[in-house]
Protein backbone atom coordinates (compact mmCIF):
# COMPACT_ATOMS: atom_id res chain seq x y z
CA MET A 1 1.69 64.51 10.35
CA ALA A 2 0.18 61.59 8.07
CA SER A 3 -2.48 59.67 9.00
CA THR A 4 -1.99 56.32 10.73
CA THR A 5 -5.54 55.00 10.28
CA PRO A 6 -5.71 51.50 8.92
CA SER A 7 -6.04 51.02 5.17
CA LYS A 8 -9.43 49.76 4.31
CA PRO A 9 -9.38 47.04 1.68
CA SER A 10 -10.67 48.09 -1.80
CA SER A 11 -14.16 47.23 -3.39
CA GLY A 12 -14.23 43.28 -3.60
CA GLY A 13 -10.63 43.16 -2.34
CA LEU A 14 -8.87 41.40 0.91
CA GLN A 15 -6.83 42.68 3.58
CA THR A 16 -3.34 42.06 3.33
CA THR A 17 -3.48 40.26 6.87
CA THR A 18 -6.54 38.19 5.40
CA ILE A 19 -4.49 37.01 2.30
CA ILE A 20 -1.29 36.24 4.33
CA ALA A 21 -3.21 34.18 6.62
CA VAL A 22 -5.10 32.09 3.78
CA VAL A 23 -1.40 31.51 2.34
CA VAL A 24 -0.09 30.35 5.73
CA VAL A 25 -3.00 28.20 6.18
CA GLY A 26 -2.63 26.76 2.57
CA ILE A 27 0.96 26.06 3.14
CA LEU A 28 0.29 24.20 6.39
CA LEU A 29 -2.60 22.29 4.64
CA ILE A 30 -0.31 21.01 2.16
CA VAL A 31 2.37 20.20 4.45
CA GLY A 32 -0.17 18.27 6.77
CA GLY A 33 -1.52 16.60 3.94
CA ILE A 34 2.10 15.64 2.61
CA ILE A 35 2.94 14.31 6.12
CA LEU A 36 -0.39 12.04 6.06
CA GLY A 37 0.44 10.69 2.46
CA GLN A 38 3.53 9.50 4.29
CA ALA A 39 1.54 6.74 5.62
CA THR A 40 0.76 5.14 2.25
CA PRO A 41 3.22 2.28 2.97
CA LEU A 42 1.67 1.34 6.34
CA LEU A 43 -1.83 1.00 4.88
CA PHE A 44 -0.86 -1.59 2.34
CA PRO A 45 1.26 -5.16 2.31
CA GLN A 46 4.44 -5.39 0.73
CA GLN A 47 4.76 -4.62 -3.16
CA ALA A 48 4.57 -7.85 -5.01
CA SER A 49 3.94 -7.03 -8.30
CA ALA A 50 5.36 -4.59 -11.13
CA GLU A 51 1.87 -2.94 -11.06
CA ALA A 52 1.89 -2.20 -7.23
CA ALA A 53 4.13 0.83 -7.34
CA GLN A 54 1.61 2.88 -10.02
CA VAL A 55 -1.23 1.90 -7.72
CA ASP A 56 0.67 2.90 -4.72
CA ASN A 57 1.96 6.26 -6.03
CA LEU A 58 -2.01 7.00 -7.55
CA PHE A 59 -3.29 6.07 -3.46
CA HIS A 60 -0.45 8.48 -2.23
CA ILE A 61 -1.51 11.58 -4.54
CA MET A 62 -5.19 10.76 -3.08
CA LEU A 63 -4.14 10.55 0.44
CA VAL A 64 -2.18 13.90 0.23
CA ILE A 65 -5.16 15.71 -1.35
CA GLY A 66 -7.62 14.14 1.17
CA GLY A 67 -5.30 14.54 4.05
CA ALA A 68 -5.16 18.43 3.26
CA ILE A 69 -8.94 18.41 2.86
CA PHE A 70 -9.46 16.85 5.89
CA LEU A 71 -7.28 18.93 7.82
CA LEU A 72 -8.96 22.03 6.20
CA VAL A 73 -12.46 20.74 6.88
CA GLN A 74 -11.57 19.73 10.54
CA GLY A 75 -9.86 23.01 11.31
CA LEU A 76 -12.61 25.13 10.09
CA LEU A 77 -14.96 23.41 12.16
CA VAL A 78 -13.02 23.73 15.51
CA PHE A 79 -12.26 27.27 14.55
CA SER A 80 -15.81 28.02 14.03
CA MET A 81 -17.12 26.21 17.28
CA TRP A 82 -14.45 28.28 18.94
CA ARG A 83 -14.81 31.55 17.31
CA PHE A 84 -18.56 31.97 16.70
CA ARG A 85 -19.61 30.00 20.24
CA ALA A 86 -22.69 31.88 22.18
CA ARG A 87 -21.22 33.91 24.67
CA LYS A 88 -22.37 34.11 28.46
CA GLY A 89 -25.61 35.57 28.55
CA GLU A 90 -26.35 35.84 24.74
CA THR A 91 -29.45 34.08 24.02
CA GLY A 92 -30.69 35.42 20.35
CA ASP A 93 -29.91 34.19 17.09
CA GLY A 94 -26.77 34.42 15.15
CA GLU A 95 -26.07 37.27 12.78
CA PRO A 96 -27.73 36.61 9.22
CA ILE A 97 -25.15 36.06 6.31
CA HIS A 98 -26.14 36.42 2.82
CA GLY A 99 -23.35 34.76 1.44
CA ASN A 100 -19.94 35.18 -0.60
CA THR A 101 -19.88 34.81 -4.30
CA THR A 102 -16.29 34.81 -4.28
CA LEU A 103 -15.81 31.67 -1.65
CA GLU A 104 -18.30 29.88 -3.26
CA ILE A 105 -16.62 29.98 -6.82
CA VAL A 106 -13.51 28.92 -5.02
CA TRP A 107 -14.87 26.00 -3.14
CA THR A 108 -16.46 24.65 -6.25
CA ALA A 109 -13.64 25.25 -8.67
CA ILE A 110 -10.95 23.87 -6.43
CA PRO A 111 -12.71 20.39 -6.19
CA ALA A 112 -13.64 20.16 -9.89
CA VAL A 113 -10.10 20.49 -10.78
CA ILE A 114 -9.06 17.79 -8.12
CA VAL A 115 -11.49 15.48 -9.60
CA PHE A 116 -10.50 16.17 -13.00
CA VAL A 117 -6.68 15.75 -12.36
CA LEU A 118 -7.53 12.66 -10.46
CA THR A 119 -9.66 11.05 -13.24
CA ILE A 120 -6.98 11.80 -15.87
CA LEU A 121 -4.35 10.06 -13.38
CA SER A 122 -6.80 7.19 -12.74
CA TRP A 123 -7.24 6.64 -16.27
CA GLN A 124 -3.64 6.67 -17.23
CA VAL A 125 -3.22 3.75 -14.30
CA PHE A 126 -6.16 2.05 -15.49
CA ASN A 127 -4.88 1.83 -18.99
CA SER A 128 -1.32 0.92 -17.89
CA LEU A 129 -2.45 -1.92 -16.12
CA GLN A 130 -4.99 -3.42 -18.70
CA ALA A 131 -2.61 -3.11 -21.25
CA PRO A 132 -1.59 -6.38 -22.80
CA LYS A 133 2.16 -7.23 -22.28
CA PRO A 134 4.71 -9.36 -24.56
CA GLY A 135 4.83 -13.10 -23.71
CA GLU A 136 2.16 -12.89 -20.98
CA ALA A 137 0.52 -16.59 -19.90
CA SER A 138 -2.99 -16.95 -20.08
CA VAL A 139 -4.85 -18.24 -17.20
CA VAL A 140 -8.82 -19.42 -17.09
CA VAL A 141 -10.37 -18.16 -13.65
CA ALA A 142 -13.65 -19.70 -12.60
CA GLY A 143 -15.30 -17.88 -9.49
CA ALA A 144 -18.41 -19.82 -8.15
CA ARG A 145 -19.93 -19.66 -4.49
CA PHE A 146 -17.37 -20.24 -2.69
CA ASN A 147 -14.26 -21.08 -4.63
CA TRP A 148 -11.70 -20.20 -7.19
CA ALA A 149 -10.33 -22.47 -9.83
CA PHE A 150 -7.66 -21.71 -12.23
CA THR A 151 -6.98 -23.51 -15.44
CA TYR A 152 -3.88 -23.67 -17.34
CA ASN A 153 -2.75 -24.81 -20.88
CA VAL A 154 0.75 -26.55 -20.48
CA PRO A 155 2.80 -28.52 -22.93
CA LEU A 156 3.82 -32.10 -22.20
CA SER A 157 7.62 -30.79 -22.57
CA ILE A 158 7.24 -29.42 -18.82
CA LEU A 159 7.34 -33.45 -17.78
CA GLY A 160 10.82 -33.75 -18.94
CA TYR A 161 10.33 -37.30 -20.37
CA GLU A 162 8.29 -38.92 -23.43
CA VAL A 163 4.54 -40.13 -23.26
CA ASP A 164 3.17 -42.09 -25.45
CA GLU A 165 0.26 -40.20 -26.73
CA THR A 166 -2.01 -43.08 -27.93
CA LEU A 167 -2.53 -44.27 -24.33
CA LEU A 168 -3.50 -40.85 -22.89
CA PRO A 169 -7.18 -40.48 -22.04
CA PRO A 170 -9.43 -39.40 -24.82
CA ASP A 171 -9.92 -35.75 -23.33
CA VAL A 172 -6.49 -35.43 -23.27
CA LYS A 173 -6.04 -36.51 -26.84
CA ASP A 174 -8.80 -33.71 -27.99
CA ASP A 175 -6.71 -31.06 -25.83
CA LEU A 176 -3.70 -31.86 -27.44
CA ALA A 177 -4.83 -32.05 -30.92
CA ASP A 178 -6.55 -28.53 -30.76
CA ASP A 179 -3.08 -26.54 -29.77
CA GLY A 180 -0.59 -29.33 -28.46
CA THR A 181 -1.24 -28.20 -24.91
CA VAL A 182 -3.25 -30.05 -21.99
CA SER A 183 -5.46 -27.91 -19.72
CA ILE A 184 -5.13 -28.66 -16.20
CA THR A 185 -6.83 -26.99 -13.18
CA SER A 186 -5.94 -26.31 -9.38
CA ALA A 187 -7.47 -24.57 -6.57
CA THR A 188 -3.79 -22.32 -6.54
CA LEU A 189 -2.78 -19.97 -8.68
CA TYR A 190 0.69 -20.38 -9.93
CA SER A 191 3.49 -18.00 -11.83
CA TYR A 192 6.85 -17.13 -11.63
CA VAL A 193 8.82 -13.97 -11.16
CA ASN A 194 8.58 -11.44 -13.82
CA GLN A 195 6.21 -13.32 -15.76
CA PRO A 196 3.15 -11.13 -16.94
CA VAL A 197 0.11 -13.10 -16.33
CA ALA A 198 -3.52 -12.36 -18.09
CA LEU A 199 -6.61 -13.65 -16.40
CA ALA A 200 -9.70 -14.57 -18.07
CA MET A 201 -12.38 -14.67 -15.62
CA ASP A 202 -16.04 -15.78 -15.49
CA ALA A 203 -18.50 -16.20 -12.66
CA ARG A 204 -20.49 -19.05 -13.06
CA ASP A 205 -23.58 -17.84 -10.45
CA VAL A 206 -23.58 -14.45 -8.86
CA ILE A 207 -20.96 -11.67 -9.17
CA HIS A 208 -17.53 -12.12 -7.40
CA ALA A 209 -14.47 -9.65 -6.92
CA PHE A 210 -11.29 -10.95 -7.56
CA TRP A 211 -8.61 -9.00 -5.36
CA VAL A 212 -5.11 -9.70 -4.62
CA PRO A 213 -4.09 -7.00 -2.08
CA ALA A 214 -0.06 -7.85 -2.58
CA PHE A 215 -0.38 -7.34 -6.34
CA ARG A 216 -2.66 -4.14 -6.16
CA VAL A 217 -5.37 -6.03 -8.50
CA LYS A 218 -9.11 -5.99 -8.26
CA GLN A 219 -11.61 -6.89 -10.61
CA ASP A 220 -15.28 -8.02 -10.86
CA LEU A 221 -16.32 -11.22 -12.00
CA ILE A 222 -20.07 -10.84 -13.84
CA PRO A 223 -22.14 -13.76 -14.81
CA GLY A 224 -22.35 -13.99 -18.83
CA ARG A 225 -19.39 -11.78 -19.17
CA THR A 226 -15.51 -12.47 -19.42
CA THR A 227 -13.63 -9.91 -17.49
CA THR A 228 -9.73 -9.64 -17.31
CA VAL A 229 -7.18 -8.59 -15.28
CA ARG A 230 -3.19 -8.37 -15.45
CA PHE A 231 -0.08 -8.31 -13.37
CA THR A 232 3.53 -9.04 -12.85
CA PRO A 233 4.74 -11.00 -10.06
CA THR A 234 8.22 -9.77 -8.75
CA VAL A 235 8.46 -11.29 -5.14
CA ALA A 236 8.87 -15.14 -5.18
CA ASP A 237 6.76 -16.49 -2.28
CA THR A 238 3.55 -18.28 -0.97
CA TYR A 239 0.77 -16.19 -0.23
CA PRO A 240 -1.63 -18.05 1.72
CA SER A 241 -5.41 -16.63 1.13
CA GLY A 242 -3.49 -13.93 -1.21
CA ILE A 243 -6.83 -14.21 -3.42
CA GLN A 244 -10.21 -13.00 -1.69
CA CYS A 245 -13.38 -11.93 -3.11
CA ALA A 246 -14.36 -8.57 -2.50
CA GLU A 247 -17.95 -8.80 -3.31
CA LEU A 248 -20.65 -10.08 -0.89
CA CYS A 249 -21.75 -13.41 -2.69
CA GLY A 250 -23.43 -15.54 -0.17
CA ALA A 251 -23.56 -17.35 3.22
CA ASN A 252 -19.75 -18.51 3.04
CA HIS A 253 -18.40 -15.29 1.16
CA GLY A 254 -15.64 -15.08 3.83
CA ILE A 255 -14.09 -18.59 2.97
CA MET A 256 -13.82 -17.40 -0.92
CA ARG A 257 -9.85 -17.29 -0.70
CA ALA A 258 -7.05 -18.86 -2.85
CA ASP A 259 -3.43 -19.28 -2.42
CA ILE A 260 -0.75 -17.81 -4.60
CA VAL A 261 2.56 -19.31 -5.38
CA VAL A 262 5.16 -17.46 -6.97
CA ALA A 263 8.03 -19.34 -8.18
CA GLU A 264 11.75 -18.18 -8.44
CA ASN A 265 11.89 -18.92 -12.49
CA GLU A 266 10.00 -20.89 -15.14
CA ALA A 267 11.75 -24.21 -14.19
CA GLU A 268 10.53 -23.96 -10.74
CA TYR A 269 7.15 -23.05 -11.73
CA ASN A 270 7.09 -26.11 -14.33
CA LYS A 271 8.00 -28.44 -11.41
CA LEU A 272 4.96 -27.08 -9.39
CA LEU A 273 2.53 -28.07 -12.21
CA THR A 274 4.21 -31.35 -13.18
CA PRO A 275 2.25 -33.49 -10.29
CA ILE A 276 -1.16 -31.53 -11.53
CA LEU A 277 -0.34 -32.75 -15.24
CA GLU A 278 0.55 -36.37 -14.32
CA SER A 279 -2.60 -36.75 -12.53
CA ARG A 280 -4.42 -35.38 -15.78
CA LEU A 281 -2.36 -37.80 -17.72
CA PHE A 282 -2.31 -40.97 -15.69
CA PRO A 283 -5.45 -40.91 -13.59
CA PRO A 284 -5.68 -43.72 -11.18
CA ALA A 285 -7.22 -46.81 -12.36
CA ASP A 286 -9.45 -47.24 -9.49
CA PRO A 287 -12.51 -44.78 -9.97
CA VAL A 288 -12.92 -44.53 -6.23
CA VAL A 289 -9.34 -43.44 -5.70
CA ARG A 290 -9.69 -41.24 -8.77
CA GLY A 291 -13.10 -39.44 -7.31
CA ARG A 292 -11.56 -38.87 -4.27
CA ALA A 293 -8.48 -37.30 -5.45
CA ILE A 294 -10.71 -34.79 -7.66
CA LEU A 295 -12.91 -33.90 -4.51
CA GLU A 296 -9.79 -33.25 -2.41
CA SER A 297 -8.28 -31.32 -4.86
CA ASN A 298 -10.67 -28.39 -4.23
CA VAL A 299 -10.94 -27.45 -7.78
CA TYR A 300 -14.60 -27.42 -7.52
CA PRO A 301 -16.72 -25.69 -5.23
CA CYS A 302 -18.26 -28.49 -3.43
CA TYR A 303 -16.29 -28.32 -0.02
CA THR A 304 -17.56 -24.81 0.54
CA CYS A 305 -21.10 -25.73 0.57
CA HIS A 306 -21.20 -29.39 1.92
CA VAL A 307 -19.54 -31.48 4.78
CA LEU A 308 -18.24 -34.81 4.38
CA SER A 309 -16.26 -36.34 7.20
CA ASP A 310 -13.88 -38.41 5.00
CA LEU A 311 -12.78 -35.33 3.70
CA SER A 312 -12.58 -33.09 6.67
CA SER A 313 -8.85 -32.73 6.03
CA ALA A 314 -9.33 -31.04 2.84
CA ASN A 315 -11.80 -28.49 4.68
CA TRP A 316 -14.89 -30.27 3.63
CA VAL A 317 -16.76 -28.16 6.36
CA GLY A 318 -19.54 -26.30 4.48
CA ASN A 319 -22.79 -25.82 6.04
CA VAL A 320 -24.74 -24.10 3.25
CA GLY A 321 -25.88 -27.21 1.23
CA PRO A 322 -26.73 -30.83 2.59
CA ALA A 323 -24.35 -33.03 4.14
CA LEU A 324 -23.11 -35.90 2.17
CA ASP A 325 -22.01 -38.20 5.18
CA GLY A 326 -23.88 -41.32 4.54
CA VAL A 327 -25.35 -40.12 0.84
CA ALA A 328 -24.88 -43.52 -0.68
CA ASP A 329 -27.34 -45.15 1.73
CA ARG A 330 -29.81 -42.48 0.99
CA ALA A 331 -29.09 -42.48 -2.64
CA ALA A 332 -29.99 -46.39 -2.76
CA THR A 333 -33.20 -45.71 -0.64
CA SER A 334 -35.25 -42.45 -0.29
CA ARG A 335 -33.71 -40.54 -2.92
CA ALA A 336 -34.22 -43.41 -5.54
CA ASN A 337 -37.89 -43.78 -4.49
CA ALA A 338 -38.34 -40.02 -4.83
CA THR A 339 -36.64 -39.73 -8.07
CA SER A 340 -37.18 -43.16 -9.60
CA GLN A 341 -33.59 -43.54 -10.71
CA THR A 342 -31.02 -45.95 -9.57
CA ALA A 343 -28.60 -44.73 -7.13
CA ALA A 344 -26.13 -44.14 -9.34
CA GLU A 345 -28.34 -42.23 -11.76
CA TYR A 346 -29.18 -40.10 -8.65
CA LEU A 347 -25.83 -38.95 -7.80
CA TYR A 348 -24.92 -38.55 -11.26
CA THR A 349 -27.60 -36.19 -12.02
CA SER A 350 -27.11 -34.47 -8.71
CA ILE A 351 -23.72 -33.45 -9.98
CA HIS A 352 -24.70 -32.81 -13.72
CA GLU A 353 -28.08 -31.05 -13.06
CA PRO A 354 -28.38 -30.01 -9.38
CA GLY A 355 -31.78 -28.35 -9.69
CA ALA A 356 -33.27 -31.42 -10.78
CA TYR A 357 -33.89 -32.77 -7.63
CA LEU A 358 -33.61 -30.53 -4.34
CA VAL A 359 -33.08 -32.16 -0.79
CA PRO A 360 -36.09 -31.11 1.54
CA GLY A 361 -35.29 -27.97 3.10
CA TYR A 362 -32.55 -26.69 0.61
CA GLY A 363 -32.88 -24.09 -2.10
CA ASN A 364 -31.46 -24.36 -5.71
CA LEU A 365 -28.29 -22.77 -5.35
CA MET A 366 -25.65 -24.96 -6.67
CA PRO A 367 -24.55 -23.68 -9.97
CA GLN A 368 -23.61 -25.74 -13.12
CA LEU A 369 -20.03 -26.39 -12.87
CA GLY A 370 -19.37 -27.83 -15.83
CA VAL A 371 -17.69 -30.72 -14.67
CA PRO A 372 -16.07 -33.21 -16.98
CA GLU A 373 -17.89 -36.51 -17.69
CA CYS A 374 -15.51 -39.01 -16.38
CA ASP A 375 -14.66 -36.94 -13.30
CA VAL A 376 -18.59 -36.99 -12.91
CA TRP A 377 -18.60 -40.88 -12.92
CA ALA A 378 -15.28 -40.79 -10.70
CA MET A 379 -17.02 -38.89 -8.20
CA VAL A 380 -19.98 -40.98 -8.49
CA ALA A 381 -17.81 -44.35 -7.58
CA TYR A 382 -16.48 -42.37 -4.58
CA LEU A 383 -19.63 -41.09 -3.11
CA ALA A 384 -21.11 -44.75 -3.69
CA THR A 385 -18.49 -45.74 -0.72
CA GLN A 386 -19.87 -42.97 1.58
CA SER A 387 -22.17 -45.20 3.57
CA THR A 388 -22.59 -46.59 7.03
CA SER A 389 -20.63 -49.58 6.32
CA GLY A 390 -17.69 -48.01 4.47
CA SER A 391 -18.51 -49.92 1.22
CA ALA A 392 -20.67 -49.35 -1.72
CA PRO A 393 -24.39 -50.39 -1.52
CA PHE A 394 -24.87 -50.38 -4.83
CA GLU A 395 -22.50 -51.04 -8.02
CA VAL A 396 -21.13 -47.96 -10.31
CA VAL A 397 -20.02 -48.94 -13.85
CA GLN A 398 -17.74 -46.51 -15.32
CA PRO A 399 -18.17 -45.47 -19.09
CA ASP A 400 -15.60 -47.51 -21.14
CA VAL A 401 -14.00 -44.28 -22.63
CA CYS A 402 -13.29 -43.17 -18.51
CA ILE A 403 -11.25 -46.32 -17.84
CA PRO A 404 -7.76 -45.09 -18.01
CA GLN A 405 -5.25 -47.39 -20.35
CA VAL A 406 -2.03 -46.05 -18.34
CA SER A 407 -2.11 -45.22 -14.41
CA GLY A 408 1.12 -43.65 -13.96
CA PRO A 409 4.21 -42.08 -15.53
CA PRO A 410 6.88 -44.36 -17.20
CA GLY A 411 8.53 -46.62 -14.70
CA SER A 412 5.47 -46.34 -11.85
CA GLU A 413 3.91 -49.42 -10.71
CA PRO A 414 0.70 -48.46 -9.52
CA PRO A 415 -1.35 -51.07 -7.25
CA PRO A 416 -3.94 -52.99 -8.83
CA ALA A 417 -7.33 -51.65 -8.85
CA GLY A 418 -8.65 -54.03 -5.98
CA GLU A 419 -5.93 -53.08 -3.55
CA ALA A 420 -6.37 -49.34 -4.33
CA THR A 421 -10.13 -49.80 -3.52
CA ALA A 422 -9.36 -51.80 -0.44
CA GLU A 423 -7.13 -48.94 0.59
CA ALA A 424 -9.46 -46.40 0.08
CA ALA A 425 -12.44 -48.04 1.80
CA ALA A 426 -9.88 -48.67 4.58
CA GLU A 427 -9.46 -45.08 5.20
CA THR A 428 -12.81 -44.08 4.64
CA GLU A 429 -14.18 -42.99 8.26
CA VAL A 430 -17.25 -44.89 9.17
CA VAL A 431 -19.85 -42.66 10.36
CA PRO A 432 -22.30 -44.00 12.97
CA ALA A 433 -25.89 -44.62 12.23
CA GLU A 434 -27.64 -42.30 14.04
CA ALA A 435 -25.19 -39.57 12.59
CA THR A 436 -26.21 -40.63 9.05
CA ALA A 437 -29.88 -40.59 9.95
CA GLU A 438 -29.68 -37.01 10.92
CA ALA A 439 -27.49 -35.97 7.91
CA THR A 440 -29.30 -34.84 4.62
CA ALA A 441 -27.13 -35.36 1.64
CA GLU A 442 -26.82 -35.08 -2.15
CA GLY A 443 -25.17 -32.87 -4.55
CA SER A 444 -21.44 -32.59 -4.85
């Protein structure tokens, strides 16, 4: 009779049963990875940009591979804990193992191939996301602790009516002379469906990270360097706090967020920008009203560091910088004495050169914000009303170039400057003297 003894593996070979086991385990790992990969849509918000599908597909591939590796590692760990456990009565060391050259080559080669493939796929996705698109809209983004600001260049034609350009503010005339558009800034990012957008982003102080989970885009902002990110919205909606900073940038990093509004079409988009443009073309005649509107718009990061009771509805609840309640009284007394400046000059300098004088107990954290000259003087006029009495304890004289010639669109009849000032003063919350005495203030 023929011998029935089991066949021995040839030198350097594997038993048939071992090969079968490896194949079965490999298939199970691949299936398990695919099953885990199906969780991709559950991990992310709705896809709201044309680029989102590419990013999700790449992540899906990575999750499938990572899931298979996870199952392999954990499976071997559990198997080893069971198969090579110490039996009852065993007290000696385990059997010494020299190694397996074939196994070492395999577990080095496979990860190398996986990393190479993922690198190629990631590079393709990155190039696709960064490639300029026809007709893309350009938006300038400024990131500063702890705020986002978005600047658009828009033509006067979006207004739908004629404007006498000779009566517009000097800075607006300069804008129009450059390229026929006017730059406007908002604290909200606006766009519309299927409009490619290119953001040119700058950091005013430290490194920030522009992250929009719904659009699947993320890009760092680096001081002294302009970085770019591109996306094309596909879902019309309002995304509250849709933009987040993903780089720890300071004490109030968690509030560095901004809303996104995606309109259905260009006409709706223009309607969203029209009020912002009109506020630039026809600023209020009263500098107090004008200054309050600027600070209330939150286009500057003042509100993220300072508290001001009069603007609490605009989320002025910052605690990083000195409080601004009662700032006019201190500007006219202790701060004027410390700096040898008039109260108005002191407030102006605090905005334009925040490091020139530091309130005792606070560091030099406020960045150079690049606030236009007329906006600074309007802010000074408003801050001058933040006193215990609710009225300005000193006079703020506006430069001639900052006095608007027109205070509203054609057909509008804004109230006289005196009435507007009185109305603004009436709305200002009077801070008790004891609260003012405790507050330290300055800076915008």
